[in-house]
Amino acid sequence: MRLSDLQNKNLVNVTTGKNIGNIVDVNVDYNSGKIKTLIIESKGNTFSFFNRETDLEIKWEDIEKIGEDVILVNVK
């Protein structure tokens, strides 16, 4: 699966049922090559492109299911 495939999917919190946002990047472990976290674009910030400190990170372990259109995550 490519990053662009992940970016086209909606992220939904299984606890609340709410859409979390859009994937803008990933953190990859340098040694293993595995994805550590998904970087989610902060909502409601016009200048979020320039201010990455407000972005949310979702741990790979928090992903419950990757479907055809949706990624279900367990965020508390």
PDB file of N, CA and C in Angstrom:
ATOM      1  N   MET A   1       0.839  -1.175   0.000  1.00  0.00           N
ATOM      2  CA  MET A   1       0.000   0.000   0.000  1.00  0.00           C
ATOM      3  C   MET A   1       0.887   1.242   0.000  1.00  0.00           C
ATOM      4  N   ARG A   2       0.494   2.220  -0.756  1.00  0.00           N
ATOM      5  CA  ARG A   2       1.245   3.466  -0.871  1.00  0.00           C
ATOM      6  C   ARG A   2       0.693   4.514   0.093  1.00  0.00           C
ATOM      7  N   LEU A   3       1.530   5.494   0.406  1.00  0.00           N
ATOM      8  CA  LEU A   3       1.091   6.605   1.251  1.00  0.00           C
ATOM      9  C   LEU A   3      -0.104   7.312   0.629  1.00  0.00           C
ATOM     10  N   SER A   4      -0.097   7.475  -0.663  1.00  0.00           N
ATOM     11  CA  SER A   4      -1.218   8.145  -1.336  1.00  0.00           C
ATOM     12  C   SER A   4      -2.519   7.359  -1.156  1.00  0.00           C
ATOM     13  N   ASP A   5      -2.434   6.031  -1.064  1.00  0.00           N
ATOM     14  CA  ASP A   5      -3.634   5.226  -0.796  1.00  0.00           C
ATOM     15  C   ASP A   5      -4.174   5.517   0.602  1.00  0.00           C
ATOM     16  N   LEU A   6      -3.275   5.633   1.579  1.00  0.00           N
ATOM     17  CA  LEU A   6      -3.696   5.960   2.943  1.00  0.00           C
ATOM     18  C   LEU A   6      -4.284   7.362   3.021  1.00  0.00           C
ATOM     19  N   GLN A   7      -3.690   8.300   2.307  1.00  0.00           N
ATOM     20  CA  GLN A   7      -4.143   9.694   2.356  1.00  0.00           C
ATOM     21  C   GLN A   7      -5.541   9.879   1.786  1.00  0.00           C
ATOM     22  N   ASN A   8      -5.988   8.973   0.942  1.00  0.00           N
ATOM     23  CA  ASN A   8      -7.314   9.074   0.339  1.00  0.00           C
ATOM     24  C   ASN A   8      -8.411   8.491   1.213  1.00  0.00           C
ATOM     25  N   LYS A   9      -8.055   7.905   2.345  1.00  0.00           N
ATOM     26  CA  LYS A   9      -9.044   7.288   3.224  1.00  0.00           C
ATOM     27  C   LYS A   9      -9.415   8.237   4.360  1.00  0.00           C
ATOM     28  N   ASN A  10     -10.676   8.154   4.815  1.00  0.00           N
ATOM     29  CA  ASN A  10     -11.122   8.920   5.965  1.00  0.00           C
ATOM     30  C   ASN A  10     -10.670   8.231   7.238  1.00  0.00           C
ATOM     31  N   LEU A  11     -10.235   9.004   8.226  1.00  0.00           N
ATOM     32  CA  LEU A  11      -9.883   8.462   9.535  1.00  0.00           C
ATOM     33  C   LEU A  11     -11.056   8.674  10.476  1.00  0.00           C
ATOM     34  N   VAL A  12     -11.516   7.591  11.089  1.00  0.00           N
ATOM     35  CA  VAL A  12     -12.669   7.670  11.984  1.00  0.00           C
ATOM     36  C   VAL A  12     -12.280   7.098  13.333  1.00  0.00           C
ATOM     37  N   ASN A  13     -12.597   7.845  14.401  1.00  0.00           N
ATOM     38  CA  ASN A  13     -12.365   7.399  15.765  1.00  0.00           C
ATOM     39  C   ASN A  13     -13.461   6.403  16.136  1.00  0.00           C
ATOM     40  N   VAL A  14     -13.103   5.165  16.476  1.00  0.00           N
ATOM     41  CA  VAL A  14     -14.111   4.142  16.787  1.00  0.00           C
ATOM     42  C   VAL A  14     -14.815   4.435  18.106  1.00  0.00           C
ATOM     43  N   THR A  15     -14.202   5.220  18.976  1.00  0.00           N
ATOM     44  CA  THR A  15     -14.819   5.554  20.260  1.00  0.00           C
ATOM     45  C   THR A  15     -15.947   6.556  20.097  1.00  0.00           C
ATOM     46  N   THR A  16     -15.721   7.590  19.279  1.00  0.00           N
ATOM     47  CA  THR A  16     -16.707   8.665  19.129  1.00  0.00           C
ATOM     48  C   THR A  16     -17.474   8.608  17.813  1.00  0.00           C
ATOM     49  N   GLY A  17     -16.937   7.908  16.815  1.00  0.00           N
ATOM     50  CA  GLY A  17     -17.554   7.868  15.496  1.00  0.00           C
ATOM     51  C   GLY A  17     -17.280   9.097  14.660  1.00  0.00           C
ATOM     52  N   LYS A  18     -16.430  10.003  15.148  1.00  0.00           N
ATOM     53  CA  LYS A  18     -16.148  11.250  14.439  1.00  0.00           C
ATOM     54  C   LYS A  18     -14.980  11.099  13.479  1.00  0.00           C
ATOM     55  N   ASN A  19     -15.056  11.882  12.401  1.00  0.00           N
ATOM     56  CA  ASN A  19     -13.961  11.962  11.448  1.00  0.00           C
ATOM     57  C   ASN A  19     -12.826  12.733  12.107  1.00  0.00           C
ATOM     58  N   ILE A  20     -11.619  12.195  12.068  1.00  0.00           N
ATOM     59  CA  ILE A  20     -10.483  12.806  12.751  1.00  0.00           C
ATOM     60  C   ILE A  20      -9.787  13.839  11.884  1.00  0.00           C
ATOM     61  N   GLY A  21      -9.632  13.564  10.618  1.00  0.00           N
ATOM     62  CA  GLY A  21      -8.928  14.493   9.741  1.00  0.00           C
ATOM     63  C   GLY A  21      -8.273  13.755   8.595  1.00  0.00           C
ATOM     64  N   ASN A  22      -7.317  14.415   7.978  1.00  0.00           N
ATOM     65  CA  ASN A  22      -6.630  13.862   6.814  1.00  0.00           C
ATOM     66  C   ASN A  22      -5.182  13.543   7.138  1.00  0.00           C
ATOM     67  N   ILE A  23      -4.682  12.448   6.574  1.00  0.00           N
ATOM     68  CA  ILE A  23      -3.283  12.083   6.737  1.00  0.00           C
ATOM     69  C   ILE A  23      -2.451  12.981   5.828  1.00  0.00           C
ATOM     70  N   VAL A  24      -1.471  13.650   6.424  1.00  0.00           N
ATOM     71  CA  VAL A  24      -0.592  14.507   5.627  1.00  0.00           C
ATOM     72  C   VAL A  24       0.820  13.941   5.534  1.00  0.00           C
ATOM     73  N   ASP A  25       1.170  13.025   6.461  1.00  0.00           N
ATOM     74  CA  ASP A  25       2.520  12.471   6.449  1.00  0.00           C
ATOM     75  C   ASP A  25       2.559  11.248   7.357  1.00  0.00           C
ATOM     76  N   VAL A  26       3.682  10.559   7.371  1.00  0.00           N
ATOM     77  CA  VAL A  26       3.897   9.427   8.270  1.00  0.00           C
ATOM     78  C   VAL A  26       5.293   9.534   8.871  1.00  0.00           C
ATOM     79  N   ASN A  27       5.460   8.964  10.079  1.00  0.00           N
ATOM     80  CA  ASN A  27       6.783   8.802  10.682  1.00  0.00           C
ATOM     81  C   ASN A  27       7.179   7.355  10.499  1.00  0.00           C
ATOM     82  N   VAL A  28       8.362   7.128   9.949  1.00  0.00           N
ATOM     83  CA  VAL A  28       8.845   5.780   9.679  1.00  0.00           C
ATOM     84  C   VAL A  28      10.066   5.513  10.548  1.00  0.00           C
ATOM     85  N   ASP A  29      10.112   4.330  11.152  1.00  0.00           N
ATOM     86  CA  ASP A  29      11.287   3.917  11.922  1.00  0.00           C
ATOM     87  C   ASP A  29      12.449   3.718  10.954  1.00  0.00           C
ATOM     88  N   TYR A  30      13.525   4.407  11.185  1.00  0.00           N
ATOM     89  CA  TYR A  30      14.674   4.391  10.282  1.00  0.00           C
ATOM     90  C   TYR A  30      15.278   2.994  10.147  1.00  0.00           C
ATOM     91  N   ASN A  31      15.352   2.252  11.252  1.00  0.00           N
ATOM     92  CA  ASN A  31      16.003   0.944  11.233  1.00  0.00           C
ATOM     93  C   ASN A  31      15.137  -0.158  10.627  1.00  0.00           C
ATOM     94  N   SER A  32      13.853  -0.185  11.006  1.00  0.00           N
ATOM     95  CA  SER A  32      12.991  -1.277  10.546  1.00  0.00           C
ATOM     96  C   SER A  32      12.244  -0.948   9.258  1.00  0.00           C
ATOM     97  N   GLY A  33      12.060   0.343   8.974  1.00  0.00           N
ATOM     98  CA  GLY A  33      11.295   0.743   7.796  1.00  0.00           C
ATOM     99  C   GLY A  33       9.791   0.685   8.005  1.00  0.00           C
ATOM    100  N   LYS A  34       9.355   0.415   9.246  1.00  0.00           N
ATOM    101  CA  LYS A  34       7.919   0.322   9.549  1.00  0.00           C
ATOM    102  C   LYS A  34       7.356   1.681   9.935  1.00  0.00           C
ATOM    103  N   ILE A  35       6.074   1.875   9.628  1.00  0.00           N
ATOM    104  CA  ILE A  35       5.397   3.112   9.996  1.00  0.00           C
ATOM    105  C   ILE A  35       5.192   3.133  11.508  1.00  0.00           C
ATOM    106  N   LYS A  36       5.608   4.239  12.160  1.00  0.00           N
ATOM    107  CA  LYS A  36       5.416   4.407  13.595  1.00  0.00           C
ATOM    108  C   LYS A  36       4.134   5.186  13.882  1.00  0.00           C
ATOM    109  N   THR A  37       3.934   6.300  13.172  1.00  0.00           N
ATOM    110  CA  THR A  37       2.751   7.131  13.393  1.00  0.00           C
ATOM    111  C   THR A  37       2.248   7.723  12.088  1.00  0.00           C
ATOM    112  N   LEU A  38       0.961   8.036  12.084  1.00  0.00           N
ATOM    113  CA  LEU A  38       0.346   8.792  11.004  1.00  0.00           C
ATOM    114  C   LEU A  38       0.236  10.231  11.476  1.00  0.00           C
ATOM    115  N   ILE A  39       0.587  11.179  10.648  1.00  0.00           N
ATOM    116  CA  ILE A  39       0.473  12.594  10.984  1.00  0.00           C
ATOM    117  C   ILE A  39      -0.835  13.097  10.386  1.00  0.00           C
ATOM    118  N   ILE A  40      -1.703  13.619  11.262  1.00  0.00           N
ATOM    119  CA  ILE A  40      -3.030  14.063  10.854  1.00  0.00           C
ATOM    120  C   ILE A  40      -3.070  15.584  10.849  1.00  0.00           C
ATOM    121  N   GLU A  41      -3.591  16.141   9.775  1.00  0.00           N
ATOM    122  CA  GLU A  41      -3.710  17.588   9.628  1.00  0.00           C
ATOM    123  C   GLU A  41      -4.649  18.140  10.685  1.00  0.00           C
ATOM    124  N   SER A  42      -4.213  19.209  11.343  1.00  0.00           N
ATOM    125  CA  SER A  42      -5.077  19.839  12.339  1.00  0.00           C
ATOM    126  C   SER A  42      -6.255  20.503  11.645  1.00  0.00           C
ATOM    127  N   LYS A  43      -7.418  20.421  12.276  1.00  0.00           N
ATOM    128  CA  LYS A  43      -8.625  20.997  11.680  1.00  0.00           C
ATOM    129  C   LYS A  43      -8.803  22.440  12.137  1.00  0.00           C
ATOM    130  N   GLY A  44      -9.390  23.236  11.260  1.00  0.00           N
ATOM    131  CA  GLY A  44      -9.774  24.589  11.616  1.00  0.00           C
ATOM    132  C   GLY A  44      -8.637  25.591  11.694  1.00  0.00           C
ATOM    133  N   ASN A  45      -7.455  25.220  11.248  1.00  0.00           N
ATOM    134  CA  ASN A  45      -6.338  26.143  11.284  1.00  0.00           C
ATOM    135  C   ASN A  45      -5.954  26.499   9.853  1.00  0.00           C
ATOM    136  N   THR A  46      -6.211  27.729   9.471  1.00  0.00           N
ATOM    137  CA  THR A  46      -5.933  28.174   8.111  1.00  0.00           C
ATOM    138  C   THR A  46      -4.457  28.076   7.766  1.00  0.00           C
ATOM    139  N   PHE A  47      -3.608  28.295   8.756  1.00  0.00           N
ATOM    140  CA  PHE A  47      -2.171  28.292   8.523  1.00  0.00           C
ATOM    141  C   PHE A  47      -1.520  26.999   8.988  1.00  0.00           C
ATOM    142  N   SER A  48      -2.274  25.891   9.011  1.00  0.00           N
ATOM    143  CA  SER A  48      -1.742  24.621   9.507  1.00  0.00           C
ATOM    144  C   SER A  48      -0.582  24.102   8.660  1.00  0.00           C
ATOM    145  N   PHE A  49      -0.533  24.496   7.385  1.00  0.00           N
ATOM    146  CA  PHE A  49       0.565  24.063   6.533  1.00  0.00           C
ATOM    147  C   PHE A  49       1.907  24.571   7.077  1.00  0.00           C
ATOM    148  N   PHE A  50       1.875  25.763   7.673  1.00  0.00           N
ATOM    149  CA  PHE A  50       3.101  26.374   8.190  1.00  0.00           C
ATOM    150  C   PHE A  50       3.343  26.055   9.658  1.00  0.00           C
ATOM    151  N   ASN A  51       2.343  25.523  10.355  1.00  0.00           N
ATOM    152  CA  ASN A  51       2.451  25.282  11.790  1.00  0.00           C
ATOM    153  C   ASN A  51       2.182  23.819  12.085  1.00  0.00           C
ATOM    154  N   ARG A  52       3.159  22.973  11.874  1.00  0.00           N
ATOM    155  CA  ARG A  52       3.004  21.524  12.043  1.00  0.00           C
ATOM    156  C   ARG A  52       2.955  21.089  13.503  1.00  0.00           C
ATOM    157  N   GLU A  53       3.251  21.997  14.476  1.00  0.00           N
ATOM    158  CA  GLU A  53       3.211  21.600  15.884  1.00  0.00           C
ATOM    159  C   GLU A  53       1.802  21.251  16.340  1.00  0.00           C
ATOM    160  N   THR A  54       0.783  21.753  15.656  1.00  0.00           N
ATOM    161  CA  THR A  54      -0.596  21.500  16.059  1.00  0.00           C
ATOM    162  C   THR A  54      -1.173  20.231  15.433  1.00  0.00           C
ATOM    163  N   ASP A  55      -0.410  19.565  14.579  1.00  0.00           N
ATOM    164  CA  ASP A  55      -0.885  18.333  13.960  1.00  0.00           C
ATOM    165  C   ASP A  55      -0.959  17.212  14.990  1.00  0.00           C
ATOM    166  N   LEU A  56      -1.846  16.264  14.751  1.00  0.00           N
ATOM    167  CA  LEU A  56      -2.061  15.127  15.634  1.00  0.00           C
ATOM    168  C   LEU A  56      -1.297  13.924  15.099  1.00  0.00           C
ATOM    169  N   GLU A  57      -0.727  13.129  15.999  1.00  0.00           N
ATOM    170  CA  GLU A  57      -0.050  11.897  15.588  1.00  0.00           C
ATOM    171  C   GLU A  57      -0.831  10.708  16.117  1.00  0.00           C
ATOM    172  N   ILE A  58      -1.125   9.753  15.234  1.00  0.00           N
ATOM    173  CA  ILE A  58      -1.820   8.521  15.579  1.00  0.00           C
ATOM    174  C   ILE A  58      -0.808   7.384  15.516  1.00  0.00           C
ATOM    175  N   LYS A  59      -0.640   6.669  16.619  1.00  0.00           N
ATOM    176  CA  LYS A  59       0.284   5.534  16.641  1.00  0.00           C
ATOM    177  C   LYS A  59      -0.253   4.411  15.755  1.00  0.00           C
ATOM    178  N   TRP A  60       0.640   3.735  15.073  1.00  0.00           N
ATOM    179  CA  TRP A  60       0.262   2.622  14.199  1.00  0.00           C
ATOM    180  C   TRP A  60      -0.496   1.555  14.987  1.00  0.00           C
ATOM    181  N   GLU A  61      -0.122   1.363  16.253  1.00  0.00           N
ATOM    182  CA  GLU A  61      -0.775   0.356  17.102  1.00  0.00           C
ATOM    183  C   GLU A  61      -2.227   0.711  17.411  1.00  0.00           C
ATOM    184  N   ASP A  62      -2.608   1.995  17.267  1.00  0.00           N
ATOM    185  CA  ASP A  62      -3.975   2.437  17.553  1.00  0.00           C
ATOM    186  C   ASP A  62      -4.920   2.211  16.378  1.00  0.00           C
ATOM    187  N   ILE A  63      -4.397   1.752  15.252  1.00  0.00           N
ATOM    188  CA  ILE A  63      -5.252   1.476  14.101  1.00  0.00           C
ATOM    189  C   ILE A  63      -5.952   0.140  14.320  1.00  0.00           C
ATOM    190  N   GLU A  64      -7.284   0.174  14.264  1.00  0.00           N
ATOM    191  CA  GLU A  64      -8.088  -1.031  14.445  1.00  0.00           C
ATOM    192  C   GLU A  64      -8.270  -1.789  13.130  1.00  0.00           C
ATOM    193  N   LYS A  65      -8.560  -1.035  12.057  1.00  0.00           N
ATOM    194  CA  LYS A  65      -8.873  -1.668  10.775  1.00  0.00           C
ATOM    195  C   LYS A  65      -8.649  -0.672   9.652  1.00  0.00           C
ATOM    196  N   ILE A  66      -8.047  -1.142   8.562  1.00  0.00           N
ATOM    197  CA  ILE A  66      -7.925  -0.335   7.347  1.00  0.00           C
ATOM    198  C   ILE A  66      -8.853  -0.945   6.316  1.00  0.00           C
ATOM    199  N   GLY A  67      -9.897  -0.201   5.981  1.00  0.00           N
ATOM    200  CA  GLY A  67     -10.877  -0.672   5.013  1.00  0.00           C
ATOM    201  C   GLY A  67     -10.651  -0.047   3.652  1.00  0.00           C
ATOM    202  N   GLU A  68     -11.576  -0.286   2.759  1.00  0.00           N
ATOM    203  CA  GLU A  68     -11.477   0.229   1.400  1.00  0.00           C
ATOM    204  C   GLU A  68     -11.541   1.753   1.359  1.00  0.00           C
ATOM    205  N   ASP A  69     -12.414   2.345   2.219  1.00  0.00           N
ATOM    206  CA  ASP A  69     -12.604   3.787   2.218  1.00  0.00           C
ATOM    207  C   ASP A  69     -12.224   4.473   3.532  1.00  0.00           C
ATOM    208  N   VAL A  70     -12.085   3.680   4.613  1.00  0.00           N
ATOM    209  CA  VAL A  70     -11.963   4.238   5.952  1.00  0.00           C
ATOM    210  C   VAL A  70     -10.836   3.554   6.727  1.00  0.00           C
ATOM    211  N   ILE A  71     -10.178   4.325   7.591  1.00  0.00           N
ATOM    212  CA  ILE A  71      -9.250   3.775   8.566  1.00  0.00           C
ATOM    213  C   ILE A  71      -9.871   4.004   9.939  1.00  0.00           C
ATOM    214  N   LEU A  72     -10.121   2.929  10.673  1.00  0.00           N
ATOM    215  CA  LEU A  72     -10.696   3.030  12.010  1.00  0.00           C
ATOM    216  C   LEU A  72      -9.571   3.045  13.028  1.00  0.00           C
ATOM    217  N   VAL A  73      -9.577   4.057  13.887  1.00  0.00           N
ATOM    218  CA  VAL A  73      -8.537   4.190  14.903  1.00  0.00           C
ATOM    219  C   VAL A  73      -9.167   4.313  16.280  1.00  0.00           C
ATOM    220  N   ASN A  74      -8.461   3.827  17.282  1.00  0.00           N
ATOM    221  CA  ASN A  74      -8.921   3.890  18.655  1.00  0.00           C
ATOM    222  C   ASN A  74      -8.134   4.975  19.368  1.00  0.00           C
ATOM    223  N   VAL A  75      -8.693   6.187  19.372  1.00  0.00           N
ATOM    224  CA  VAL A  75      -8.055   7.336  20.015  1.00  0.00           C
ATOM    225  C   VAL A  75      -8.881   7.711  21.228  1.00  0.00           C
ATOM    226  N   LYS A  76      -8.197   7.812  22.351  1.00  0.00           N
ATOM    227  CA  LYS A  76      -8.903   8.148  23.601  1.00  0.00           C
ATOM    228  C   LYS A  76      -8.851   9.609  23.891  1.00  0.00           C
TER     229      LYS A  76
END
